[in-house]
Amino acid sequence: MRPIFLLFVFLVNSFVYSQTSVNSCRNQVSGNVINKQNELSIPNVNIQIMDNDGNIIKTQADNNGSFTIDLPCDDGRYTISTSIENYTKSTKLIFTSQAINKEHKVNLEVYPIQEFEEVNGKKRILVNSIRFFPDDIGVNPEARIQLNKVSDILRKYEGLNIEIGFHADSRGGEKFLIDLTQQRADACTSYLIDKGIDASRIHAKGYGATKLLNECEKGIKCSEVKHLINRRSEFVVLL
């Protein structure tokens, strides 16, 4: 009987130990949401953690930008991310294990996104100037990247109307430059309309070389760099 009794005690102890181990196992994730421009924490941000099967766990940072969440004790891979309006997205990977009380320190670092700028009293959408190939009016891949940003902002602010203004340097006939810049402004307008933006929200204007930013008027010898300053696009917010 004694061997049987000892075996019983061993099995009971093993079960209790295993249960204790499972119950004490914890993969804890903690950290802060930080604005990397000024190194300050951002409060009350929504955070989500997704496993490989697409299951999502949600939590929220507190008033100090801090968060803590427990993950299952498994050999898993999780993606933690946050998406904040007017900030870049931050995503980190977490690999869990069946180790006891494993802690994961994760800071989600984001940068502010500047959507507008003010130049000479005019509010403009902040995107890179759109360049066309010489004498071309086709929207090239780089131009599409910038126009997609404009499209996103117009969707975000439904009451926003803009003027798409295109400008040229002084090298060329006046009518040719007006027509060329108008065609380029119209091409960008058509692209945005194809992306679902109402045509009534966009005014296209080709200025040719009538609004130069420097001294490079017709007949004045200037470097290519100075001429490039005058070849530009502007997405001005209409009041």
C-alpha atoms as a PDB file:
ATOM      1  CA  MET A   1       0.000   0.000   0.000  1.00  0.00           C
ATOM      2  CA  ARG A   2       2.823   2.391   0.795  1.00  0.00           C
ATOM      3  CA  PRO A   3       4.146   2.588  -2.818  1.00  0.00           C
ATOM      4  CA  ILE A   4       0.618   3.319  -4.024  1.00  0.00           C
ATOM      5  CA  PHE A   5       0.193   5.998  -1.340  1.00  0.00           C
ATOM      6  CA  LEU A   6       3.507   7.618  -2.295  1.00  0.00           C
ATOM      7  CA  LEU A   7       2.520   7.585  -5.951  1.00  0.00           C
ATOM      8  CA  PHE A   8      -0.761   9.251  -5.068  1.00  0.00           C
ATOM      9  CA  VAL A   9       1.029  11.951  -3.058  1.00  0.00           C
ATOM     10  CA  PHE A  10       3.450  12.518  -5.950  1.00  0.00           C
ATOM     11  CA  LEU A  11       0.633  12.921  -8.462  1.00  0.00           C
ATOM     12  CA  VAL A  12      -1.263  15.323  -6.198  1.00  0.00           C
ATOM     13  CA  ASN A  13       1.843  17.418  -5.592  1.00  0.00           C
ATOM     14  CA  SER A  14       2.637  17.455  -9.320  1.00  0.00           C
ATOM     15  CA  PHE A  15      -0.878  18.608 -10.127  1.00  0.00           C
ATOM     16  CA  VAL A  16      -0.800  21.355  -7.494  1.00  0.00           C
ATOM     17  CA  TYR A  17       2.629  22.499  -8.684  1.00  0.00           C
ATOM     18  CA  SER A  18       1.554  22.564 -12.314  1.00  0.00           C
ATOM     19  CA  GLN A  19      -1.565  24.518 -11.485  1.00  0.00           C
ATOM     20  CA  THR A  20       0.435  26.978  -9.415  1.00  0.00           C
ATOM     21  CA  SER A  21       2.942  27.376 -12.260  1.00  0.00           C
ATOM     22  CA  VAL A  22       0.216  28.030 -14.820  1.00  0.00           C
ATOM     23  CA  ASN A  23      -1.587  30.456 -12.554  1.00  0.00           C
ATOM     24  CA  SER A  24       1.587  32.377 -11.764  1.00  0.00           C
ATOM     25  CA  CYS A  25       2.719  32.569 -15.384  1.00  0.00           C
ATOM     26  CA  ARG A  26       2.262  36.040 -16.772  1.00  0.00           C
ATOM     27  CA  ASN A  27       3.413  37.822 -19.927  1.00  0.00           C
ATOM     28  CA  GLN A  28       2.947  41.442 -18.953  1.00  0.00           C
ATOM     29  CA  VAL A  29       3.310  44.245 -21.486  1.00  0.00           C
ATOM     30  CA  SER A  30       3.788  47.778 -20.198  1.00  0.00           C
ATOM     31  CA  GLY A  31       5.062  51.043 -21.556  1.00  0.00           C
ATOM     32  CA  ASN A  32       4.240  54.588 -22.614  1.00  0.00           C
ATOM     33  CA  VAL A  33       2.968  56.396 -25.687  1.00  0.00           C
ATOM     34  CA  ILE A  34       5.544  59.091 -26.397  1.00  0.00           C
ATOM     35  CA  ASN A  35       5.605  62.125 -28.690  1.00  0.00           C
ATOM     36  CA  LYS A  36       9.171  61.918 -30.019  1.00  0.00           C
ATOM     37  CA  GLN A  37       9.168  65.572 -31.038  1.00  0.00           C
ATOM     38  CA  ASN A  38       9.167  66.735 -27.414  1.00  0.00           C
ATOM     39  CA  GLU A  39       9.618  63.428 -25.515  1.00  0.00           C
ATOM     40  CA  LEU A  40       6.311  63.959 -23.670  1.00  0.00           C
ATOM     41  CA  SER A  41       3.779  61.203 -23.030  1.00  0.00           C
ATOM     42  CA  ILE A  42       0.418  61.287 -24.823  1.00  0.00           C
ATOM     43  CA  PRO A  43      -2.553  60.460 -22.562  1.00  0.00           C
ATOM     44  CA  ASN A  44      -5.677  58.363 -23.150  1.00  0.00           C
ATOM     45  CA  VAL A  45      -4.526  56.768 -26.400  1.00  0.00           C
ATOM     46  CA  ASN A  46      -6.322  53.653 -27.692  1.00  0.00           C
ATOM     47  CA  ILE A  47      -3.970  50.684 -28.086  1.00  0.00           C
ATOM     48  CA  GLN A  48      -4.558  47.322 -29.716  1.00  0.00           C
ATOM     49  CA  ILE A  49      -2.668  44.040 -29.629  1.00  0.00           C
ATOM     50  CA  MET A  50      -3.283  41.468 -32.367  1.00  0.00           C
ATOM     51  CA  ASP A  51      -2.203  37.826 -32.412  1.00  0.00           C
ATOM     52  CA  ASN A  52      -1.317  35.738 -35.472  1.00  0.00           C
ATOM     53  CA  ASP A  53      -4.948  34.680 -35.906  1.00  0.00           C
ATOM     54  CA  GLY A  54      -6.175  38.272 -36.090  1.00  0.00           C
ATOM     55  CA  ASN A  55      -7.705  38.273 -32.607  1.00  0.00           C
ATOM     56  CA  ILE A  56      -7.484  41.742 -31.053  1.00  0.00           C
ATOM     57  CA  ILE A  57      -7.074  42.809 -27.453  1.00  0.00           C
ATOM     58  CA  LYS A  58      -7.763  46.480 -26.764  1.00  0.00           C
ATOM     59  CA  THR A  59      -6.639  48.737 -23.963  1.00  0.00           C
ATOM     60  CA  GLN A  60      -6.114  52.441 -23.350  1.00  0.00           C
ATOM     61  CA  ALA A  61      -3.243  54.470 -21.978  1.00  0.00           C
ATOM     62  CA  ASP A  62      -3.993  56.372 -18.781  1.00  0.00           C
ATOM     63  CA  ASN A  63      -3.739  60.114 -18.139  1.00  0.00           C
ATOM     64  CA  ASN A  64       0.051  59.787 -18.003  1.00  0.00           C
ATOM     65  CA  GLY A  65       0.308  57.919 -21.307  1.00  0.00           C
ATOM     66  CA  SER A  66       1.116  54.632 -19.538  1.00  0.00           C
ATOM     67  CA  PHE A  67      -0.451  51.246 -20.262  1.00  0.00           C
ATOM     68  CA  THR A  68      -0.265  47.700 -18.919  1.00  0.00           C
ATOM     69  CA  ILE A  69      -1.825  44.557 -20.318  1.00  0.00           C
ATOM     70  CA  ASP A  70      -1.402  40.824 -19.662  1.00  0.00           C
ATOM     71  CA  LEU A  71      -0.979  38.391 -22.549  1.00  0.00           C
ATOM     72  CA  PRO A  72      -1.525  34.611 -22.521  1.00  0.00           C
ATOM     73  CA  CYS A  73       1.280  32.267 -21.484  1.00  0.00           C
ATOM     74  CA  ASP A  74       2.075  30.850 -24.880  1.00  0.00           C
ATOM     75  CA  ASP A  75       4.812  30.823 -27.481  1.00  0.00           C
ATOM     76  CA  GLY A  76       3.080  33.480 -29.520  1.00  0.00           C
ATOM     77  CA  ARG A  77       3.756  36.539 -31.636  1.00  0.00           C
ATOM     78  CA  TYR A  78       1.749  39.680 -31.032  1.00  0.00           C
ATOM     79  CA  THR A  79       1.635  43.061 -32.747  1.00  0.00           C
ATOM     80  CA  ILE A  80       0.999  46.072 -30.537  1.00  0.00           C
ATOM     81  CA  SER A  81       0.102  49.319 -32.244  1.00  0.00           C
ATOM     82  CA  THR A  82      -1.514  52.673 -31.799  1.00  0.00           C
ATOM     83  CA  SER A  83      -3.088  55.007 -34.317  1.00  0.00           C
ATOM     84  CA  ILE A  84      -3.531  58.629 -33.244  1.00  0.00           C
ATOM     85  CA  GLU A  85      -5.061  61.346 -35.382  1.00  0.00           C
ATOM     86  CA  ASN A  86      -2.395  63.714 -36.735  1.00  0.00           C
ATOM     87  CA  TYR A  87       0.439  61.431 -35.587  1.00  0.00           C
ATOM     88  CA  THR A  88       2.458  58.732 -37.296  1.00  0.00           C
ATOM     89  CA  LYS A  89       1.553  55.128 -36.514  1.00  0.00           C
ATOM     90  CA  SER A  90       3.709  53.116 -34.128  1.00  0.00           C
ATOM     91  CA  THR A  91       3.894  49.301 -34.268  1.00  0.00           C
ATOM     92  CA  LYS A  92       6.028  46.868 -32.256  1.00  0.00           C
ATOM     93  CA  LEU A  93       6.327  43.068 -32.160  1.00  0.00           C
ATOM     94  CA  ILE A  94       6.123  41.053 -28.935  1.00  0.00           C
ATOM     95  CA  PHE A  95       7.155  37.421 -28.635  1.00  0.00           C
ATOM     96  CA  THR A  96       5.629  35.668 -25.636  1.00  0.00           C
ATOM     97  CA  SER A  97       6.700  32.420 -24.019  1.00  0.00           C
ATOM     98  CA  GLN A  98       5.639  30.086 -21.273  1.00  0.00           C
ATOM     99  CA  ALA A  99       8.220  31.613 -18.941  1.00  0.00           C
ATOM    100  CA  ILE A 100       6.971  32.657 -15.549  1.00  0.00           C
ATOM    101  CA  ASN A 101       6.379  36.374 -14.979  1.00  0.00           C
ATOM    102  CA  LYS A 102       8.033  37.578 -18.166  1.00  0.00           C
ATOM    103  CA  GLU A 103       7.799  41.352 -18.589  1.00  0.00           C
ATOM    104  CA  HIS A 104       7.871  43.241 -21.894  1.00  0.00           C
ATOM    105  CA  LYS A 105       8.731  46.943 -21.810  1.00  0.00           C
ATOM    106  CA  VAL A 106       7.409  48.641 -24.957  1.00  0.00           C
ATOM    107  CA  ASN A 107       7.330  52.348 -25.720  1.00  0.00           C
ATOM    108  CA  LEU A 108       5.152  53.381 -28.646  1.00  0.00           C
ATOM    109  CA  GLU A 109       6.922  56.387 -30.190  1.00  0.00           C
ATOM    110  CA  VAL A 110       5.055  58.650 -32.599  1.00  0.00           C
ATOM    111  CA  TYR A 111       5.715  61.921 -34.408  1.00  0.00           C
ATOM    112  CA  PRO A 112       3.201  64.712 -35.101  1.00  0.00           C
ATOM    113  CA  ILE A 113       2.006  64.971 -38.679  1.00  0.00           C
ATOM    114  CA  GLN A 114       1.757  68.541 -39.931  1.00  0.00           C
ATOM    115  CA  GLU A 115      -1.071  68.770 -42.433  1.00  0.00           C
ATOM    116  CA  PHE A 116      -1.079  72.493 -43.206  1.00  0.00           C
ATOM    117  CA  GLU A 117       1.307  75.420 -43.385  1.00  0.00           C
ATOM    118  CA  GLU A 118       0.762  79.151 -43.649  1.00  0.00           C
ATOM    119  CA  VAL A 119       2.722  81.087 -46.257  1.00  0.00           C
ATOM    120  CA  ASN A 120       2.193  84.802 -46.866  1.00  0.00           C
ATOM    121  CA  GLY A 121      -1.114  84.696 -45.021  1.00  0.00           C
ATOM    122  CA  LYS A 122      -2.444  81.734 -47.007  1.00  0.00           C
ATOM    123  CA  LYS A 123      -3.152  78.300 -45.550  1.00  0.00           C
ATOM    124  CA  ARG A 124      -1.846  75.476 -47.722  1.00  0.00           C
ATOM    125  CA  ILE A 125      -1.899  71.693 -47.583  1.00  0.00           C
ATOM    126  CA  LEU A 126       1.626  70.608 -46.708  1.00  0.00           C
ATOM    127  CA  VAL A 127       2.818  68.215 -49.415  1.00  0.00           C
ATOM    128  CA  ASN A 128       5.876  68.100 -51.607  1.00  0.00           C
ATOM    129  CA  SER A 129       5.648  70.199 -54.747  1.00  0.00           C
ATOM    130  CA  ILE A 130       4.387  68.068 -57.621  1.00  0.00           C
ATOM    131  CA  ARG A 131       6.811  67.729 -60.493  1.00  0.00           C
ATOM    132  CA  PHE A 132       5.948  66.812 -64.059  1.00  0.00           C
ATOM    133  CA  PHE A 133       8.354  65.659 -66.719  1.00  0.00           C
ATOM    134  CA  PRO A 134       9.271  68.505 -69.142  1.00  0.00           C
ATOM    135  CA  ASP A 135       6.324  69.498 -71.371  1.00  0.00           C
ATOM    136  CA  ASP A 136       4.324  66.588 -69.931  1.00  0.00           C
ATOM    137  CA  ILE A 137       0.899  66.664 -68.249  1.00  0.00           C
ATOM    138  CA  GLY A 138       0.718  63.016 -67.151  1.00  0.00           C
ATOM    139  CA  VAL A 139       0.439  62.301 -63.415  1.00  0.00           C
ATOM    140  CA  ASN A 140       3.564  60.267 -62.642  1.00  0.00           C
ATOM    141  CA  PRO A 141       4.007  57.861 -59.689  1.00  0.00           C
ATOM    142  CA  GLU A 142       5.703  60.458 -57.444  1.00  0.00           C
ATOM    143  CA  ALA A 143       2.890  62.924 -58.133  1.00  0.00           C
ATOM    144  CA  ARG A 144       0.324  60.264 -57.230  1.00  0.00           C
ATOM    145  CA  ILE A 145       1.935  59.832 -53.803  1.00  0.00           C
ATOM    146  CA  GLN A 146       1.486  63.530 -53.034  1.00  0.00           C
ATOM    147  CA  LEU A 147      -2.011  63.682 -54.498  1.00  0.00           C
ATOM    148  CA  ASN A 148      -3.046  60.705 -52.377  1.00  0.00           C
ATOM    149  CA  LYS A 149      -2.056  62.735 -49.316  1.00  0.00           C
ATOM    150  CA  VAL A 150      -4.182  65.630 -50.562  1.00  0.00           C
ATOM    151  CA  SER A 151      -7.075  63.232 -51.158  1.00  0.00           C
ATOM    152  CA  ASP A 152      -6.797  61.864 -47.611  1.00  0.00           C
ATOM    153  CA  ILE A 153      -6.917  65.374 -46.134  1.00  0.00           C
ATOM    154  CA  LEU A 154      -9.924  66.362 -48.263  1.00  0.00           C
ATOM    155  CA  ARG A 155     -11.747  63.255 -47.070  1.00  0.00           C
ATOM    156  CA  LYS A 156     -10.841  64.026 -43.487  1.00  0.00           C
ATOM    157  CA  TYR A 157     -12.047  67.619 -43.662  1.00  0.00           C
ATOM    158  CA  GLU A 158     -15.229  67.390 -45.703  1.00  0.00           C
ATOM    159  CA  GLY A 159     -15.889  71.141 -45.663  1.00  0.00           C
ATOM    160  CA  LEU A 160     -12.462  71.990 -47.073  1.00  0.00           C
ATOM    161  CA  ASN A 161     -12.192  73.472 -50.561  1.00  0.00           C
ATOM    162  CA  ILE A 162      -8.886  74.101 -52.318  1.00  0.00           C
ATOM    163  CA  GLU A 163      -7.264  75.783 -55.259  1.00  0.00           C
ATOM    164  CA  ILE A 164      -4.673  73.734 -57.100  1.00  0.00           C
ATOM    165  CA  GLY A 165      -2.238  76.305 -58.446  1.00  0.00           C
ATOM    166  CA  PHE A 166       0.568  75.414 -60.835  1.00  0.00           C
ATOM    167  CA  HIS A 167       3.468  77.716 -61.625  1.00  0.00           C
ATOM    168  CA  ALA A 168       6.254  77.675 -64.214  1.00  0.00           C
ATOM    169  CA  ASP A 169       9.625  79.340 -64.611  1.00  0.00           C
ATOM    170  CA  SER A 170      10.005  82.124 -67.170  1.00  0.00           C
ATOM    171  CA  ARG A 171      11.565  80.017 -69.941  1.00  0.00           C
ATOM    172  CA  GLY A 172       8.918  79.833 -72.640  1.00  0.00           C
ATOM    173  CA  GLY A 173       6.156  81.833 -74.276  1.00  0.00           C
ATOM    174  CA  GLU A 174       3.575  83.381 -71.971  1.00  0.00           C
ATOM    175  CA  LYS A 175       0.572  81.602 -73.500  1.00  0.00           C
ATOM    176  CA  PHE A 176       2.425  78.285 -73.671  1.00  0.00           C
ATOM    177  CA  LEU A 177       3.318  78.459 -69.966  1.00  0.00           C
ATOM    178  CA  ILE A 178      -0.221  79.442 -68.948  1.00  0.00           C
ATOM    179  CA  ASP A 179      -1.686  76.586 -70.973  1.00  0.00           C
ATOM    180  CA  LEU A 180       0.886  74.072 -69.702  1.00  0.00           C
ATOM    181  CA  THR A 181       0.367  74.908 -66.033  1.00  0.00           C
ATOM    182  CA  GLN A 182      -3.421  74.903 -66.495  1.00  0.00           C
ATOM    183  CA  GLN A 183      -3.262  71.446 -68.065  1.00  0.00           C
ATOM    184  CA  ARG A 184      -1.181  70.194 -65.136  1.00  0.00           C
ATOM    185  CA  ALA A 185      -3.580  71.672 -62.590  1.00  0.00           C
ATOM    186  CA  ASP A 186      -6.481  70.070 -64.496  1.00  0.00           C
ATOM    187  CA  ALA A 187      -4.667  66.703 -64.537  1.00  0.00           C
ATOM    188  CA  CYS A 188      -4.277  66.802 -60.742  1.00  0.00           C
ATOM    189  CA  THR A 189      -7.924  67.795 -60.371  1.00  0.00           C
ATOM    190  CA  SER A 190      -9.030  64.856 -62.524  1.00  0.00           C
ATOM    191  CA  TYR A 191      -6.906  62.500 -60.421  1.00  0.00           C
ATOM    192  CA  LEU A 192      -8.542  63.710 -57.199  1.00  0.00           C
ATOM    193  CA  ILE A 193     -12.008  63.432 -58.741  1.00  0.00           C
ATOM    194  CA  ASP A 194     -11.200  59.841 -59.732  1.00  0.00           C
ATOM    195  CA  LYS A 195     -10.287  59.253 -56.071  1.00  0.00           C
ATOM    196  CA  GLY A 196     -13.806  60.285 -55.089  1.00  0.00           C
ATOM    197  CA  ILE A 197     -13.364  63.985 -54.285  1.00  0.00           C
ATOM    198  CA  ASP A 198     -16.273  66.187 -55.418  1.00  0.00           C
ATOM    199  CA  ALA A 199     -15.248  68.418 -58.310  1.00  0.00           C
ATOM    200  CA  SER A 200     -16.999  71.403 -56.706  1.00  0.00           C
ATOM    201  CA  ARG A 201     -14.401  71.401 -53.932  1.00  0.00           C
ATOM    202  CA  ILE A 202     -11.456  71.965 -56.299  1.00  0.00           C
ATOM    203  CA  HIS A 203     -10.507  75.004 -58.347  1.00  0.00           C
ATOM    204  CA  ALA A 204      -7.667  74.465 -60.821  1.00  0.00           C
ATOM    205  CA  LYS A 205      -5.547  77.413 -61.897  1.00  0.00           C
ATOM    206  CA  GLY A 206      -2.491  77.602 -64.139  1.00  0.00           C
ATOM    207  CA  TYR A 207      -0.458  80.746 -63.443  1.00  0.00           C
ATOM    208  CA  GLY A 208       2.348  80.213 -65.906  1.00  0.00           C
ATOM    209  CA  ALA A 209       5.255  82.483 -64.935  1.00  0.00           C
ATOM    210  CA  THR A 210       3.111  85.329 -63.550  1.00  0.00           C
ATOM    211  CA  LYS A 211       3.996  84.727 -59.882  1.00  0.00           C
ATOM    212  CA  LEU A 212       7.760  84.183 -59.753  1.00  0.00           C
ATOM    213  CA  LEU A 213       9.374  83.826 -56.331  1.00  0.00           C
ATOM    214  CA  ASN A 214      12.733  85.327 -57.328  1.00  0.00           C
ATOM    215  CA  GLU A 215      14.422  87.590 -59.840  1.00  0.00           C
ATOM    216  CA  CYS A 216      14.490  85.019 -62.667  1.00  0.00           C
ATOM    217  CA  GLU A 217      12.250  86.872 -65.102  1.00  0.00           C
ATOM    218  CA  LYS A 218      12.328  86.299 -68.828  1.00  0.00           C
ATOM    219  CA  GLY A 219      15.738  87.210 -70.239  1.00  0.00           C
ATOM    220  CA  ILE A 220      17.481  87.075 -66.852  1.00  0.00           C
ATOM    221  CA  LYS A 221      20.202  84.426 -66.639  1.00  0.00           C
ATOM    222  CA  CYS A 222      19.600  82.162 -63.644  1.00  0.00           C
ATOM    223  CA  SER A 223      20.820  78.811 -62.410  1.00  0.00           C
ATOM    224  CA  GLU A 224      18.686  75.699 -62.783  1.00  0.00           C
ATOM    225  CA  VAL A 225      18.244  75.675 -58.996  1.00  0.00           C
ATOM    226  CA  LYS A 226      16.720  79.154 -59.057  1.00  0.00           C
ATOM    227  CA  HIS A 227      14.431  78.266 -61.963  1.00  0.00           C
ATOM    228  CA  LEU A 228      13.285  75.186 -60.047  1.00  0.00           C
ATOM    229  CA  ILE A 229      12.064  77.394 -57.200  1.00  0.00           C
ATOM    230  CA  ASN A 230       9.518  78.915 -59.560  1.00  0.00           C
ATOM    231  CA  ARG A 231       8.300  75.566 -60.936  1.00  0.00           C
ATOM    232  CA  ARG A 232       5.937  74.565 -58.174  1.00  0.00           C
ATOM    233  CA  SER A 233       2.461  73.446 -57.185  1.00  0.00           C
ATOM    234  CA  GLU A 234       0.382  74.869 -54.351  1.00  0.00           C
ATOM    235  CA  PHE A 235      -2.745  73.488 -52.699  1.00  0.00           C
ATOM    236  CA  VAL A 236      -4.275  76.583 -51.138  1.00  0.00           C
ATOM    237  CA  VAL A 237      -7.230  76.339 -48.761  1.00  0.00           C
ATOM    238  CA  LEU A 238     -10.129  78.489 -49.948  1.00  0.00           C
ATOM    239  CA  LEU A 239     -12.005  80.368 -47.234  1.00  0.00           C
END
